[in-house]
Amino acid sequence: MQVFGRQADQIAQFGLTAALVMLLVFAVAWVGLDRSSYGTGQRLARLQPIPFSHAHHAGEDGIDCRYCHGAVETSSSAGLPATEICMTCHSQLFADAPVLEPVRQSFASGKPIVWERVHDLPDFVYFNHAAHVNNGVGCVSCHGRIDEMPTLYQAAPLTMQWCLDCHRDPGPQLRPEDEITSMTWTPTGERRKFGEQMIAHYHVRTDHMTDCYVCHR
């Protein structure tokens, strides 16, 4: 005696097919969302306590990155400028501007300005600014044209694949020591050959740059 009819088999087959399709759609949507700007933070600006413009300071005024980010050559973190750094200029320039009132309050109270972090890697990722800038990687390679950003945003996806692409072939990203903070520098001659020269110059060990321990410690 047949317990389930032909229609029940059709319903079961349809249900299984629909479940597999939904699972596939979910997987594709998850991967797409994870790689989108929503997941990576790329090109998303964050509201800051003070509307600081890199386009004005680094672009128009030509202030070197290291003036504000003084630890970039010696520490894993580039560091944020102390209020005293801001006041070296703004105690005289725009000294009474209402928009700079938080800076003046910070200077008077000794409490640092709490900036919203823009480039935020996961806790399980180890990144060292000094190791990069001291081996020829320019600021623009990771941060983009900072000198053209009135509002700072994350220019690169900063995903594992993006980092690995550079670690597998670092030559095209390397430059001379005196051009590390330049936003417009380009090499003369053939880029690939110049990159090989820079790898030799900085003694970059390309054979170990994709080992897990380099970024996960």
N, C-alpha and C. Protein backbone atom coordinates (compact mmCIF):
# COMPACT_ATOMS: atom_id res chain seq x y z
N MET A 1 0.84 -1.20 0.00
CA MET A 1 0.00 0.00 0.00
C MET A 1 0.89 1.25 0.00
N GLN A 2 0.67 2.18 -0.90
CA GLN A 2 1.47 3.39 -1.03
C GLN A 2 0.97 4.44 -0.04
N VAL A 3 1.90 4.85 0.89
CA VAL A 3 1.52 5.80 1.92
C VAL A 3 1.44 7.22 1.36
N PHE A 4 2.45 7.61 0.55
CA PHE A 4 2.49 8.96 -0.03
C PHE A 4 2.27 8.85 -1.54
N GLY A 5 1.46 9.73 -2.05
CA GLY A 5 1.16 9.75 -3.47
C GLY A 5 2.23 10.46 -4.28
N ARG A 6 2.03 10.47 -5.60
CA ARG A 6 2.98 11.12 -6.50
C ARG A 6 3.09 12.62 -6.20
N GLN A 7 1.99 13.24 -5.80
CA GLN A 7 2.01 14.66 -5.51
C GLN A 7 2.92 14.97 -4.33
N ALA A 8 2.94 14.07 -3.34
CA ALA A 8 3.81 14.27 -2.18
C ALA A 8 5.27 14.24 -2.58
N ASP A 9 5.62 13.33 -3.50
CA ASP A 9 7.00 13.28 -4.00
C ASP A 9 7.37 14.59 -4.69
N GLN A 10 6.46 15.12 -5.48
CA GLN A 10 6.72 16.38 -6.19
C GLN A 10 6.92 17.53 -5.21
N ILE A 11 6.09 17.54 -4.16
CA ILE A 11 6.22 18.59 -3.15
C ILE A 11 7.56 18.49 -2.44
N ALA A 12 7.98 17.26 -2.10
CA ALA A 12 9.26 17.06 -1.43
C ALA A 12 10.42 17.49 -2.32
N GLN A 13 10.36 17.14 -3.59
CA GLN A 13 11.43 17.53 -4.53
C GLN A 13 11.48 19.05 -4.67
N PHE A 14 10.31 19.66 -4.75
CA PHE A 14 10.27 21.13 -4.87
C PHE A 14 10.85 21.79 -3.62
N GLY A 15 10.49 21.24 -2.46
CA GLY A 15 10.99 21.79 -1.21
C GLY A 15 12.50 21.69 -1.10
N LEU A 16 13.07 20.55 -1.46
CA LEU A 16 14.52 20.37 -1.41
C LEU A 16 15.22 21.30 -2.39
N THR A 17 14.65 21.42 -3.59
CA THR A 17 15.24 22.31 -4.60
C THR A 17 15.21 23.76 -4.14
N ALA A 18 14.07 24.17 -3.58
CA ALA A 18 13.93 25.54 -3.09
C ALA A 18 14.92 25.81 -1.96
N ALA A 19 15.12 24.82 -1.07
CA ALA A 19 16.06 24.98 0.04
C ALA A 19 17.48 25.15 -0.46
N LEU A 20 17.86 24.35 -1.46
CA LEU A 20 19.20 24.46 -2.02
C LEU A 20 19.41 25.81 -2.71
N VAL A 21 18.37 26.26 -3.45
CA VAL A 21 18.47 27.56 -4.12
C VAL A 21 18.61 28.68 -3.10
N MET A 22 17.81 28.62 -2.04
CA MET A 22 17.87 29.65 -1.00
C MET A 22 19.24 29.65 -0.31
N LEU A 23 19.78 28.46 -0.08
CA LEU A 23 21.10 28.36 0.54
C LEU A 23 22.16 28.99 -0.35
N LEU A 24 22.06 28.73 -1.67
CA LEU A 24 23.02 29.29 -2.62
C LEU A 24 22.89 30.81 -2.68
N VAL A 25 21.65 31.31 -2.73
CA VAL A 25 21.42 32.75 -2.76
C VAL A 25 21.97 33.40 -1.49
N PHE A 26 21.75 32.77 -0.35
CA PHE A 26 22.25 33.30 0.92
C PHE A 26 23.77 33.37 0.92
N ALA A 27 24.43 32.31 0.42
CA ALA A 27 25.89 32.28 0.38
C ALA A 27 26.44 33.38 -0.52
N VAL A 28 25.83 33.54 -1.70
CA VAL A 28 26.27 34.58 -2.62
C VAL A 28 26.06 35.97 -2.02
N ALA A 29 24.90 36.18 -1.39
CA ALA A 29 24.60 37.47 -0.77
C ALA A 29 25.55 37.76 0.38
N TRP A 30 25.90 36.73 1.15
CA TRP A 30 26.82 36.91 2.28
C TRP A 30 28.20 37.32 1.78
N VAL A 31 28.70 36.63 0.76
CA VAL A 31 30.01 36.97 0.21
C VAL A 31 30.00 38.37 -0.39
N GLY A 32 28.91 38.70 -1.12
CA GLY A 32 28.81 40.02 -1.72
C GLY A 32 28.77 41.12 -0.68
N LEU A 33 28.03 40.91 0.40
CA LEU A 33 27.94 41.90 1.47
C LEU A 33 29.28 42.05 2.18
N ASP A 34 29.95 40.92 2.40
CA ASP A 34 31.24 40.95 3.10
C ASP A 34 32.29 41.72 2.29
N ARG A 35 32.21 41.66 0.96
CA ARG A 35 33.17 42.33 0.11
C ARG A 35 32.71 43.72 -0.35
N SER A 36 31.53 44.10 0.03
CA SER A 36 31.02 45.43 -0.34
C SER A 36 31.61 46.48 0.59
N SER A 37 31.37 47.74 0.27
CA SER A 37 31.86 48.83 1.11
C SER A 37 31.25 48.75 2.51
N TYR A 38 30.07 48.19 2.61
CA TYR A 38 29.44 48.03 3.93
C TYR A 38 30.25 47.08 4.80
N GLY A 39 30.78 46.04 4.17
CA GLY A 39 31.56 45.05 4.93
C GLY A 39 33.00 45.47 5.14
N THR A 40 33.60 46.14 4.15
CA THR A 40 35.02 46.50 4.24
C THR A 40 35.26 47.90 4.80
N GLY A 41 34.24 48.75 4.73
CA GLY A 41 34.41 50.13 5.17
C GLY A 41 34.99 51.04 4.11
N GLN A 42 35.25 50.49 2.92
CA GLN A 42 35.87 51.28 1.86
C GLN A 42 34.96 52.43 1.42
N ARG A 43 35.56 53.63 1.33
CA ARG A 43 34.91 54.86 0.87
C ARG A 43 33.78 55.33 1.79
N LEU A 44 33.76 54.82 3.01
CA LEU A 44 32.78 55.29 3.97
C LEU A 44 33.43 56.31 4.91
N ALA A 45 32.94 57.53 4.89
CA ALA A 45 33.47 58.58 5.77
C ALA A 45 32.81 58.48 7.14
N ARG A 46 33.53 58.91 8.17
CA ARG A 46 32.99 58.88 9.53
C ARG A 46 32.93 60.31 10.08
N LEU A 47 31.88 60.59 10.80
CA LEU A 47 31.71 61.91 11.39
C LEU A 47 32.73 62.11 12.51
N GLN A 48 33.51 63.17 12.43
CA GLN A 48 34.56 63.44 13.39
C GLN A 48 34.14 64.59 14.32
N PRO A 49 34.75 64.67 15.50
CA PRO A 49 34.40 65.76 16.43
C PRO A 49 34.78 67.14 15.89
N ILE A 50 35.74 67.17 14.95
CA ILE A 50 36.16 68.41 14.31
C ILE A 50 36.26 68.14 12.81
N PRO A 51 35.73 68.99 11.95
CA PRO A 51 35.80 68.75 10.50
C PRO A 51 37.20 69.01 9.94
N PHE A 52 38.12 68.09 10.24
CA PHE A 52 39.50 68.25 9.79
C PHE A 52 39.61 67.87 8.32
N SER A 53 40.25 68.72 7.52
CA SER A 53 40.40 68.48 6.08
C SER A 53 41.83 68.14 5.75
N HIS A 54 42.07 66.90 5.31
CA HIS A 54 43.40 66.53 4.82
C HIS A 54 43.70 67.25 3.51
N ALA A 55 42.66 67.52 2.71
CA ALA A 55 42.86 68.22 1.44
C ALA A 55 43.45 69.61 1.69
N HIS A 56 43.03 70.25 2.77
CA HIS A 56 43.56 71.59 3.09
C HIS A 56 44.95 71.49 3.70
N HIS A 57 45.10 70.64 4.72
CA HIS A 57 46.37 70.59 5.45
C HIS A 57 47.48 69.91 4.65
N ALA A 58 47.20 68.71 4.12
CA ALA A 58 48.23 67.98 3.37
C ALA A 58 48.32 68.44 1.93
N GLY A 59 47.17 68.86 1.36
CA GLY A 59 47.16 69.27 -0.04
C GLY A 59 47.52 70.72 -0.24
N GLU A 60 46.66 71.62 0.19
CA GLU A 60 46.87 73.05 -0.03
C GLU A 60 48.08 73.59 0.75
N ASP A 61 48.20 73.19 2.02
CA ASP A 61 49.29 73.70 2.85
C ASP A 61 50.57 72.87 2.73
N GLY A 62 50.46 71.67 2.16
CA GLY A 62 51.65 70.84 1.93
C GLY A 62 52.31 70.32 3.20
N ILE A 63 51.54 70.13 4.27
CA ILE A 63 52.11 69.61 5.52
C ILE A 63 52.42 68.13 5.36
N ASP A 64 53.64 67.73 5.68
CA ASP A 64 54.07 66.35 5.57
C ASP A 64 53.30 65.47 6.55
N CYS A 65 52.97 64.25 6.12
CA CYS A 65 52.21 63.32 6.95
C CYS A 65 52.85 63.13 8.32
N ARG A 66 54.18 63.12 8.36
CA ARG A 66 54.90 62.81 9.59
C ARG A 66 54.82 63.93 10.62
N TYR A 67 54.39 65.11 10.21
CA TYR A 67 54.26 66.21 11.17
C TYR A 67 53.16 65.90 12.19
N CYS A 68 52.07 65.31 11.71
CA CYS A 68 50.96 64.95 12.59
C CYS A 68 51.03 63.50 13.06
N HIS A 69 51.52 62.63 12.19
CA HIS A 69 51.60 61.20 12.53
C HIS A 69 53.06 60.86 12.80
N GLY A 70 53.55 61.35 13.92
CA GLY A 70 54.99 61.30 14.21
C GLY A 70 55.55 59.93 14.50
N ALA A 71 54.70 58.96 14.83
CA ALA A 71 55.20 57.63 15.19
C ALA A 71 55.26 56.67 14.02
N VAL A 72 54.93 57.15 12.83
CA VAL A 72 54.76 56.23 11.70
C VAL A 72 56.04 55.51 11.31
N GLU A 73 57.20 56.10 11.60
CA GLU A 73 58.47 55.49 11.22
C GLU A 73 59.08 54.64 12.33
N THR A 74 58.50 54.69 13.52
CA THR A 74 59.10 53.99 14.65
C THR A 74 58.16 53.03 15.37
N SER A 75 56.89 53.04 15.01
CA SER A 75 55.91 52.26 15.75
C SER A 75 54.96 51.54 14.81
N SER A 76 54.28 50.54 15.37
CA SER A 76 53.26 49.85 14.58
C SER A 76 52.10 50.77 14.25
N SER A 77 51.83 51.73 15.13
CA SER A 77 50.76 52.70 14.91
C SER A 77 51.34 54.01 14.41
N ALA A 78 50.65 54.64 13.47
CA ALA A 78 51.12 55.93 12.97
C ALA A 78 50.95 57.03 14.00
N GLY A 79 49.99 56.84 14.92
CA GLY A 79 49.75 57.82 15.95
C GLY A 79 48.87 58.96 15.48
N LEU A 80 48.16 59.55 16.41
CA LEU A 80 47.33 60.73 16.14
C LEU A 80 47.99 61.95 16.76
N PRO A 81 47.82 63.11 16.15
CA PRO A 81 48.50 64.30 16.68
C PRO A 81 47.93 64.73 18.03
N ALA A 82 48.83 65.06 18.95
CA ALA A 82 48.40 65.63 20.22
C ALA A 82 47.82 67.02 19.95
N THR A 83 46.96 67.47 20.83
CA THR A 83 46.35 68.79 20.66
C THR A 83 47.41 69.89 20.56
N GLU A 84 48.55 69.68 21.25
CA GLU A 84 49.62 70.67 21.19
C GLU A 84 50.13 70.85 19.76
N ILE A 85 50.11 69.79 18.97
CA ILE A 85 50.52 69.88 17.57
C ILE A 85 49.56 70.81 16.81
N CYS A 86 48.27 70.62 17.05
CA CYS A 86 47.28 71.47 16.39
C CYS A 86 47.48 72.94 16.78
N MET A 87 47.77 73.15 18.05
CA MET A 87 47.85 74.51 18.57
C MET A 87 49.12 75.23 18.17
N THR A 88 50.11 74.52 17.67
CA THR A 88 51.30 75.22 17.20
C THR A 88 50.94 76.18 16.07
N CYS A 89 49.91 75.83 15.31
CA CYS A 89 49.42 76.73 14.25
C CYS A 89 48.19 77.51 14.71
N HIS A 90 47.25 76.80 15.33
CA HIS A 90 45.94 77.41 15.58
C HIS A 90 45.88 78.25 16.84
N SER A 91 46.99 78.41 17.51
CA SER A 91 47.03 79.44 18.56
C SER A 91 47.11 80.82 17.92
N GLN A 92 47.47 80.84 16.63
CA GLN A 92 47.56 82.11 15.90
C GLN A 92 46.64 82.14 14.68
N LEU A 93 46.54 81.03 13.97
CA LEU A 93 45.69 80.96 12.79
C LEU A 93 44.30 80.49 13.17
N PHE A 94 43.29 81.28 12.80
CA PHE A 94 41.89 80.95 13.13
C PHE A 94 41.74 80.68 14.62
N ALA A 95 42.45 81.44 15.43
CA ALA A 95 42.50 81.19 16.87
C ALA A 95 41.14 81.30 17.55
N ASP A 96 40.23 82.10 16.98
CA ASP A 96 38.91 82.29 17.59
C ASP A 96 37.79 81.63 16.80
N ALA A 97 38.13 80.80 15.82
CA ALA A 97 37.11 80.18 14.98
C ALA A 97 36.24 79.24 15.82
N PRO A 98 34.91 79.36 15.76
CA PRO A 98 34.03 78.50 16.55
C PRO A 98 34.25 77.00 16.27
N VAL A 99 34.58 76.66 15.03
CA VAL A 99 34.74 75.25 14.68
C VAL A 99 35.92 74.62 15.42
N LEU A 100 36.86 75.45 15.89
CA LEU A 100 38.03 74.93 16.59
C LEU A 100 37.89 74.99 18.10
N GLU A 101 36.70 75.27 18.59
CA GLU A 101 36.48 75.33 20.03
C GLU A 101 36.84 74.00 20.73
N PRO A 102 36.51 72.83 20.15
CA PRO A 102 36.93 71.57 20.79
C PRO A 102 38.44 71.45 20.94
N VAL A 103 39.19 72.01 20.00
CA VAL A 103 40.65 71.97 20.09
C VAL A 103 41.12 72.82 21.26
N ARG A 104 40.56 74.00 21.40
CA ARG A 104 40.94 74.89 22.49
C ARG A 104 40.56 74.29 23.85
N GLN A 105 39.39 73.66 23.92
CA GLN A 105 38.97 73.02 25.17
C GLN A 105 39.90 71.86 25.52
N SER A 106 40.28 71.09 24.51
CA SER A 106 41.20 69.98 24.74
C SER A 106 42.55 70.48 25.24
N PHE A 107 43.02 71.55 24.66
CA PHE A 107 44.32 72.11 25.06
C PHE A 107 44.26 72.65 26.49
N ALA A 108 43.16 73.28 26.84
CA ALA A 108 43.02 73.88 28.17
C ALA A 108 42.84 72.81 29.25
N SER A 109 42.11 71.74 28.92
CA SER A 109 41.81 70.71 29.92
C SER A 109 42.84 69.60 29.97
N GLY A 110 43.60 69.45 28.90
CA GLY A 110 44.55 68.34 28.83
C GLY A 110 43.92 67.03 28.41
N LYS A 111 42.63 67.04 28.09
CA LYS A 111 41.94 65.83 27.64
C LYS A 111 42.06 65.72 26.12
N PRO A 112 42.55 64.57 25.60
CA PRO A 112 42.74 64.44 24.15
C PRO A 112 41.41 64.43 23.39
N ILE A 113 41.48 64.85 22.16
CA ILE A 113 40.32 64.79 21.28
C ILE A 113 40.07 63.34 20.90
N VAL A 114 38.84 62.91 20.98
CA VAL A 114 38.49 61.52 20.66
C VAL A 114 38.06 61.45 19.20
N TRP A 115 38.97 61.04 18.33
CA TRP A 115 38.68 60.93 16.91
C TRP A 115 38.04 59.58 16.60
N GLU A 116 37.22 59.54 15.59
CA GLU A 116 36.61 58.30 15.12
C GLU A 116 37.60 57.58 14.20
N ARG A 117 37.91 56.34 14.51
CA ARG A 117 38.88 55.58 13.72
C ARG A 117 38.32 55.28 12.33
N VAL A 118 39.11 55.55 11.31
CA VAL A 118 38.68 55.32 9.92
C VAL A 118 39.24 54.01 9.39
N HIS A 119 40.52 53.77 9.60
CA HIS A 119 41.16 52.53 9.14
C HIS A 119 41.29 51.59 10.33
N ASP A 120 40.40 50.61 10.40
CA ASP A 120 40.32 49.75 11.58
C ASP A 120 40.39 48.28 11.16
N LEU A 121 41.55 47.67 11.34
CA LEU A 121 41.72 46.26 11.01
C LEU A 121 41.21 45.39 12.15
N PRO A 122 40.82 44.15 11.85
CA PRO A 122 40.39 43.24 12.93
C PRO A 122 41.51 43.02 13.94
N ASP A 123 41.13 42.66 15.16
CA ASP A 123 42.11 42.47 16.23
C ASP A 123 43.09 41.33 15.94
N PHE A 124 42.67 40.38 15.09
CA PHE A 124 43.56 39.25 14.82
C PHE A 124 44.57 39.54 13.70
N VAL A 125 44.56 40.77 13.20
CA VAL A 125 45.50 41.17 12.14
C VAL A 125 46.59 42.05 12.75
N TYR A 126 47.84 41.70 12.50
CA TYR A 126 48.96 42.50 12.97
C TYR A 126 49.48 43.34 11.81
N PHE A 127 49.47 44.66 12.00
CA PHE A 127 49.98 45.56 10.98
C PHE A 127 50.96 46.52 11.61
N ASN A 128 52.10 46.71 10.99
CA ASN A 128 53.14 47.58 11.51
C ASN A 128 53.45 48.68 10.50
N HIS A 129 53.10 49.93 10.85
CA HIS A 129 53.37 51.04 9.94
C HIS A 129 54.86 51.20 9.67
N ALA A 130 55.66 51.12 10.72
CA ALA A 130 57.09 51.34 10.57
C ALA A 130 57.71 50.33 9.61
N ALA A 131 57.28 49.08 9.69
CA ALA A 131 57.84 48.05 8.82
C ALA A 131 57.54 48.34 7.35
N HIS A 132 56.45 49.02 7.08
CA HIS A 132 56.09 49.33 5.70
C HIS A 132 56.79 50.59 5.20
N VAL A 133 56.67 51.69 5.94
CA VAL A 133 57.24 52.95 5.44
C VAL A 133 58.77 52.91 5.43
N ASN A 134 59.38 52.11 6.31
CA ASN A 134 60.84 52.00 6.32
C ASN A 134 61.36 51.03 5.27
N ASN A 135 60.43 50.41 4.55
CA ASN A 135 60.83 49.50 3.48
C ASN A 135 60.21 49.90 2.15
N GLY A 136 59.91 51.20 2.01
CA GLY A 136 59.57 51.73 0.70
C GLY A 136 58.12 51.81 0.33
N VAL A 137 57.20 51.48 1.23
CA VAL A 137 55.78 51.56 0.90
C VAL A 137 55.28 52.97 1.21
N GLY A 138 54.78 53.66 0.20
CA GLY A 138 54.31 55.03 0.38
C GLY A 138 52.95 55.09 1.04
N CYS A 139 52.68 56.19 1.69
CA CYS A 139 51.39 56.39 2.37
C CYS A 139 50.22 56.22 1.40
N VAL A 140 50.40 56.72 0.18
CA VAL A 140 49.32 56.70 -0.80
C VAL A 140 48.93 55.28 -1.22
N SER A 141 49.84 54.33 -1.07
CA SER A 141 49.55 52.95 -1.48
C SER A 141 48.39 52.36 -0.70
N CYS A 142 48.29 52.70 0.59
CA CYS A 142 47.22 52.17 1.41
C CYS A 142 46.11 53.20 1.68
N HIS A 143 46.50 54.46 1.81
CA HIS A 143 45.54 55.48 2.21
C HIS A 143 44.98 56.30 1.06
N GLY A 144 45.48 56.09 -0.15
CA GLY A 144 44.97 56.84 -1.29
C GLY A 144 45.40 58.30 -1.26
N ARG A 145 44.77 59.10 -2.10
CA ARG A 145 45.13 60.52 -2.23
C ARG A 145 44.55 61.32 -1.06
N ILE A 146 45.22 61.17 0.08
CA ILE A 146 44.82 61.90 1.28
C ILE A 146 44.74 63.40 1.01
N ASP A 147 45.65 63.88 0.16
CA ASP A 147 45.71 65.32 -0.11
C ASP A 147 44.52 65.84 -0.90
N GLU A 148 43.61 64.94 -1.31
CA GLU A 148 42.42 65.34 -2.05
C GLU A 148 41.13 65.02 -1.28
N MET A 149 41.27 64.71 0.01
CA MET A 149 40.11 64.31 0.81
C MET A 149 39.71 65.39 1.82
N PRO A 150 38.69 66.18 1.53
CA PRO A 150 38.19 67.11 2.54
C PRO A 150 37.69 66.36 3.78
N THR A 151 37.07 65.21 3.55
CA THR A 151 36.64 64.33 4.63
C THR A 151 37.35 63.00 4.45
N LEU A 152 38.03 62.56 5.47
CA LEU A 152 38.83 61.34 5.36
C LEU A 152 37.94 60.11 5.22
N TYR A 153 38.32 59.24 4.30
CA TYR A 153 37.64 57.96 4.17
C TYR A 153 38.67 56.87 3.85
N GLN A 154 38.26 55.63 3.99
CA GLN A 154 39.14 54.50 3.71
C GLN A 154 39.17 54.24 2.21
N ALA A 155 40.32 54.48 1.58
CA ALA A 155 40.40 54.40 0.13
C ALA A 155 40.48 52.95 -0.38
N ALA A 156 41.16 52.08 0.36
CA ALA A 156 41.37 50.69 -0.07
C ALA A 156 40.46 49.76 0.72
N PRO A 157 40.19 48.56 0.19
CA PRO A 157 39.30 47.63 0.91
C PRO A 157 39.93 47.07 2.18
N LEU A 158 41.28 46.98 2.22
CA LEU A 158 42.01 46.44 3.37
C LEU A 158 41.60 45.01 3.70
N THR A 159 41.20 44.28 2.69
CA THR A 159 40.86 42.87 2.89
C THR A 159 42.12 42.02 2.87
N MET A 160 41.99 40.77 3.29
CA MET A 160 43.13 39.86 3.28
C MET A 160 43.65 39.66 1.86
N GLN A 161 42.75 39.54 0.90
CA GLN A 161 43.16 39.35 -0.49
C GLN A 161 43.91 40.57 -1.00
N TRP A 162 43.46 41.75 -0.62
CA TRP A 162 44.12 42.99 -1.06
C TRP A 162 45.54 43.05 -0.50
N CYS A 163 45.71 42.70 0.75
CA CYS A 163 47.05 42.68 1.35
C CYS A 163 47.94 41.62 0.69
N LEU A 164 47.38 40.45 0.45
CA LEU A 164 48.17 39.37 -0.15
C LEU A 164 48.61 39.71 -1.57
N ASP A 165 47.79 40.43 -2.31
CA ASP A 165 48.17 40.83 -3.66
C ASP A 165 49.47 41.63 -3.63
N CYS A 166 49.60 42.50 -2.63
CA CYS A 166 50.81 43.31 -2.51
C CYS A 166 51.98 42.48 -1.97
N HIS A 167 51.71 41.62 -1.01
CA HIS A 167 52.77 40.80 -0.43
C HIS A 167 53.35 39.80 -1.43
N ARG A 168 52.52 39.37 -2.37
CA ARG A 168 53.02 38.46 -3.41
C ARG A 168 53.86 39.20 -4.45
N ASP A 169 53.58 40.47 -4.63
CA ASP A 169 54.28 41.26 -5.64
C ASP A 169 54.48 42.68 -5.13
N PRO A 170 55.39 42.89 -4.18
CA PRO A 170 55.54 44.20 -3.56
C PRO A 170 56.24 45.25 -4.42
N GLY A 171 57.02 44.82 -5.39
CA GLY A 171 57.83 45.74 -6.18
C GLY A 171 57.12 46.98 -6.69
N PRO A 172 55.94 46.86 -7.31
CA PRO A 172 55.26 48.03 -7.87
C PRO A 172 54.86 49.07 -6.82
N GLN A 173 54.84 48.71 -5.54
CA GLN A 173 54.43 49.64 -4.50
C GLN A 173 55.60 50.34 -3.82
N LEU A 174 56.83 49.96 -4.16
CA LEU A 174 57.99 50.48 -3.44
C LEU A 174 58.53 51.75 -4.10
N ARG A 175 59.12 52.61 -3.28
CA ARG A 175 59.64 53.90 -3.73
C ARG A 175 60.84 54.30 -2.88
N PRO A 176 61.59 55.31 -3.28
CA PRO A 176 62.74 55.76 -2.49
C PRO A 176 62.32 56.34 -1.13
N GLU A 177 63.25 56.38 -0.19
CA GLU A 177 62.96 56.88 1.16
C GLU A 177 62.42 58.30 1.16
N ASP A 178 62.96 59.15 0.32
CA ASP A 178 62.55 60.56 0.35
C ASP A 178 61.24 60.83 -0.38
N GLU A 179 60.58 59.78 -0.86
CA GLU A 179 59.30 59.95 -1.55
C GLU A 179 58.16 59.22 -0.85
N ILE A 180 58.41 58.74 0.36
CA ILE A 180 57.42 57.93 1.07
C ILE A 180 56.10 58.66 1.26
N THR A 181 56.16 59.93 1.61
CA THR A 181 54.92 60.67 1.89
C THR A 181 54.38 61.44 0.69
N SER A 182 55.06 61.36 -0.44
CA SER A 182 54.59 62.07 -1.62
C SER A 182 53.32 61.43 -2.16
N MET A 183 52.36 62.26 -2.52
CA MET A 183 51.10 61.78 -3.07
C MET A 183 51.14 61.65 -4.59
N THR A 184 52.12 62.26 -5.23
CA THR A 184 52.13 62.34 -6.70
C THR A 184 53.33 61.67 -7.34
N TRP A 185 54.25 61.11 -6.54
CA TRP A 185 55.47 60.55 -7.10
C TRP A 185 55.18 59.34 -7.99
N THR A 186 55.87 59.27 -9.11
CA THR A 186 55.84 58.10 -9.99
C THR A 186 57.28 57.83 -10.44
N PRO A 187 57.64 56.58 -10.63
CA PRO A 187 59.02 56.26 -11.02
C PRO A 187 59.29 56.61 -12.47
N THR A 188 60.52 56.87 -12.77
CA THR A 188 60.93 57.07 -14.16
C THR A 188 61.38 55.73 -14.72
N GLY A 189 61.08 55.48 -15.96
CA GLY A 189 61.47 54.21 -16.57
C GLY A 189 60.44 53.12 -16.34
N GLU A 190 60.84 51.90 -16.54
CA GLU A 190 59.94 50.75 -16.47
C GLU A 190 59.64 50.40 -15.02
N ARG A 191 58.34 50.35 -14.67
CA ARG A 191 57.92 50.17 -13.28
C ARG A 191 58.38 48.85 -12.70
N ARG A 192 58.29 47.79 -13.45
CA ARG A 192 58.66 46.47 -12.95
C ARG A 192 60.15 46.40 -12.62
N LYS A 193 60.98 46.92 -13.50
CA LYS A 193 62.42 46.91 -13.27
C LYS A 193 62.77 47.77 -12.06
N PHE A 194 62.13 48.93 -11.94
CA PHE A 194 62.40 49.80 -10.80
C PHE A 194 61.99 49.10 -9.50
N GLY A 195 60.88 48.39 -9.52
CA GLY A 195 60.43 47.66 -8.34
C GLY A 195 61.43 46.62 -7.90
N GLU A 196 62.02 45.93 -8.84
CA GLU A 196 63.03 44.93 -8.51
C GLU A 196 64.25 45.59 -7.86
N GLN A 197 64.59 46.78 -8.34
CA GLN A 197 65.71 47.52 -7.75
C GLN A 197 65.39 47.92 -6.31
N MET A 198 64.15 48.31 -6.07
CA MET A 198 63.74 48.71 -4.72
C MET A 198 63.71 47.50 -3.78
N ILE A 199 63.30 46.35 -4.28
CA ILE A 199 63.31 45.13 -3.46
C ILE A 199 64.72 44.82 -3.00
N ALA A 200 65.66 44.95 -3.91
CA ALA A 200 67.07 44.71 -3.57
C ALA A 200 67.59 45.79 -2.63
N HIS A 201 67.19 47.02 -2.86
CA HIS A 201 67.65 48.14 -2.05
C HIS A 201 67.22 47.99 -0.59
N TYR A 202 65.96 47.58 -0.37
CA TYR A 202 65.43 47.45 0.98
C TYR A 202 65.64 46.05 1.56
N HIS A 203 66.23 45.15 0.79
CA HIS A 203 66.47 43.77 1.23
C HIS A 203 65.16 43.09 1.66
N VAL A 204 64.14 43.27 0.84
CA VAL A 204 62.83 42.69 1.14
C VAL A 204 62.87 41.18 0.87
N ARG A 205 62.50 40.39 1.86
CA ARG A 205 62.50 38.92 1.72
C ARG A 205 61.13 38.48 1.20
N THR A 206 60.97 38.48 -0.08
CA THR A 206 59.68 38.16 -0.68
C THR A 206 59.26 36.71 -0.48
N ASP A 207 60.22 35.83 -0.17
CA ASP A 207 59.89 34.41 -0.02
C ASP A 207 59.12 34.12 1.26
N HIS A 208 59.07 35.05 2.20
CA HIS A 208 58.36 34.82 3.46
C HIS A 208 57.18 35.77 3.67
N MET A 209 56.89 36.62 2.72
CA MET A 209 55.89 37.66 2.94
C MET A 209 54.45 37.15 2.95
N THR A 210 54.22 35.92 2.50
CA THR A 210 52.86 35.38 2.55
C THR A 210 52.71 34.32 3.63
N ASP A 211 53.73 34.15 4.48
CA ASP A 211 53.61 33.23 5.60
C ASP A 211 52.57 33.76 6.57
N CYS A 212 51.81 32.86 7.18
CA CYS A 212 50.70 33.27 8.06
C CYS A 212 51.16 34.16 9.21
N TYR A 213 52.33 33.85 9.80
CA TYR A 213 52.77 34.57 10.99
C TYR A 213 53.08 36.04 10.71
N VAL A 214 53.26 36.41 9.43
CA VAL A 214 53.57 37.80 9.10
C VAL A 214 52.44 38.74 9.54
N CYS A 215 51.22 38.31 9.35
CA CYS A 215 50.07 39.15 9.69
C CYS A 215 49.26 38.63 10.86
N HIS A 216 49.44 37.36 11.23
CA HIS A 216 48.64 36.77 12.32
C HIS A 216 49.60 36.24 13.38
N ARG A 217 49.69 36.95 14.51
CA ARG A 217 50.64 36.59 15.56
C ARG A 217 49.93 36.38 16.90
